Amino acid sequence: MGKFKEIIKSDLPTLVDFYATWCGPCKTMNPILDQLKKDLGSQIRILKIDVDKNPVVADQFKVRGVPTFVLFKNGEVLWRQSGAMDLSLLKSQIKSRI
């Protein structure tokens, strides 16, 4: 938990993907997140949090469904959305906030 708090307090924007291994839409997001990282490179960090293995963190951020994406910078939530989405929508949401 301490390391997680350090990461989201960074001035490097961090997209946290709250997911579950059993979640179909979460699995479809994996290649999209990989491409997002390739496209944005050092402009963003992507962190995946398994809600089943980290229920305290998921509860702290009131994650009720997966996937849920939360974009942090300097410890503040810049954007949040639940559900799968395509690369262009995800990228535009993030780029408009970083």
Protein backbone atom coordinates (compact mmCIF):
# COMPACT_ATOMS: atom_id res chain seq x y z
CA MET A 1 0.00 0.00 0.00
CA GLY A 2 2.86 2.39 0.79
CA LYS A 3 4.45 1.87 -2.62
CA PHE A 4 1.08 2.42 -4.31
CA LYS A 5 0.62 5.75 -2.50
CA GLU A 6 4.13 6.81 -3.55
CA ILE A 7 3.40 5.97 -7.17
CA ILE A 8 0.11 7.88 -7.40
CA LYS A 9 1.64 10.93 -5.68
CA SER A 10 4.23 11.18 -8.44
CA ASP A 11 4.11 14.05 -10.91
CA LEU A 12 4.19 11.40 -13.66
CA PRO A 13 0.54 10.71 -14.59
CA THR A 14 -0.39 7.18 -13.55
CA LEU A 15 -3.28 5.27 -15.05
CA VAL A 16 -4.44 2.60 -12.61
CA ASP A 17 -6.33 -0.31 -14.15
CA PHE A 18 -8.43 -2.01 -11.48
CA TYR A 19 -9.13 -5.43 -12.97
CA ALA A 20 -9.90 -9.07 -12.16
CA THR A 21 -8.42 -12.17 -13.78
CA TRP A 22 -11.90 -13.64 -14.38
CA CYS A 23 -13.20 -10.49 -16.11
CA GLY A 24 -13.67 -10.77 -19.89
CA PRO A 25 -13.72 -7.01 -20.62
CA CYS A 26 -10.54 -6.66 -18.49
CA LYS A 27 -8.80 -9.19 -20.73
CA THR A 28 -9.83 -7.28 -23.85
CA MET A 29 -8.22 -4.16 -22.39
CA ASN A 30 -4.74 -5.73 -22.07
CA PRO A 31 -3.64 -5.18 -25.71
CA ILE A 32 -5.24 -1.71 -25.67
CA LEU A 33 -3.25 -0.76 -22.57
CA ASP A 34 -0.08 -2.17 -24.16
CA GLN A 35 -0.64 -0.01 -27.24
CA LEU A 36 -1.45 3.03 -25.07
CA LYS A 37 1.90 2.62 -23.30
CA LYS A 38 3.68 2.34 -26.66
CA ASP A 39 1.92 5.45 -27.97
CA LEU A 40 2.41 7.63 -24.88
CA GLY A 41 5.75 6.21 -23.73
CA SER A 42 7.33 8.13 -20.88
CA GLN A 43 4.36 10.53 -20.63
CA ILE A 44 2.45 8.02 -18.49
CA ARG A 45 2.80 5.09 -16.14
CA ILE A 46 0.25 2.25 -16.23
CA LEU A 47 -0.35 0.25 -13.07
CA LYS A 48 -2.57 -2.82 -12.92
CA ILE A 49 -4.28 -3.65 -9.62
CA ASP A 50 -6.04 -7.02 -9.22
CA VAL A 51 -9.10 -6.21 -7.10
CA ASP A 52 -9.28 -9.77 -5.75
CA LYS A 53 -5.69 -9.63 -4.46
CA ASN A 54 -5.92 -5.99 -3.31
CA PRO A 55 -9.43 -5.51 -1.90
CA VAL A 56 -8.33 -2.77 0.51
CA VAL A 57 -7.06 -0.56 -2.32
CA ALA A 58 -10.11 -1.31 -4.45
CA ASP A 59 -12.40 -0.43 -1.54
CA GLN A 60 -10.46 2.75 -0.75
CA PHE A 61 -11.15 4.00 -4.29
CA LYS A 62 -14.72 2.66 -4.27
CA VAL A 63 -14.19 0.31 -7.19
CA ARG A 64 -17.51 -1.49 -7.65
CA GLY A 65 -17.00 -2.89 -11.14
CA VAL A 66 -14.11 -3.95 -13.33
CA PRO A 67 -12.41 -2.73 -15.29
CA THR A 68 -12.22 0.66 -13.63
CA PHE A 69 -9.60 3.16 -14.75
CA VAL A 70 -8.37 5.97 -12.52
CA LEU A 71 -5.83 8.55 -13.70
CA PHE A 72 -3.72 10.06 -10.92
CA LYS A 73 -1.18 12.86 -10.85
CA ASN A 74 0.36 14.31 -7.68
CA GLY A 75 -2.03 12.15 -5.63
CA GLU A 76 -5.14 13.65 -7.20
CA VAL A 77 -7.70 11.87 -9.36
CA LEU A 78 -7.75 13.55 -12.78
CA TRP A 79 -10.21 11.15 -14.42
CA ARG A 80 -12.11 7.98 -13.67
CA GLN A 81 -14.22 5.63 -15.78
CA SER A 82 -15.53 2.09 -15.54
CA GLY A 83 -15.93 -0.32 -18.43
CA ALA A 84 -13.94 -1.35 -21.46
CA MET A 85 -13.23 1.24 -24.13
CA ASP A 86 -11.34 1.46 -27.38
CA LEU A 87 -7.84 2.86 -27.71
CA SER A 88 -8.82 6.16 -29.33
CA LEU A 89 -11.32 7.03 -26.58
CA LEU A 90 -8.95 6.01 -23.78
CA LYS A 91 -6.05 7.93 -25.31
CA SER A 92 -8.12 11.08 -25.88
CA GLN A 93 -9.43 11.02 -22.29
CA ILE A 94 -5.90 10.75 -20.93
CA LYS A 95 -4.20 13.20 -23.31
CA SER A 96 -6.80 15.87 -22.54
CA ARG A 97 -5.84 15.65 -18.86
CA ILE A 98 -2.07 15.34 -18.91
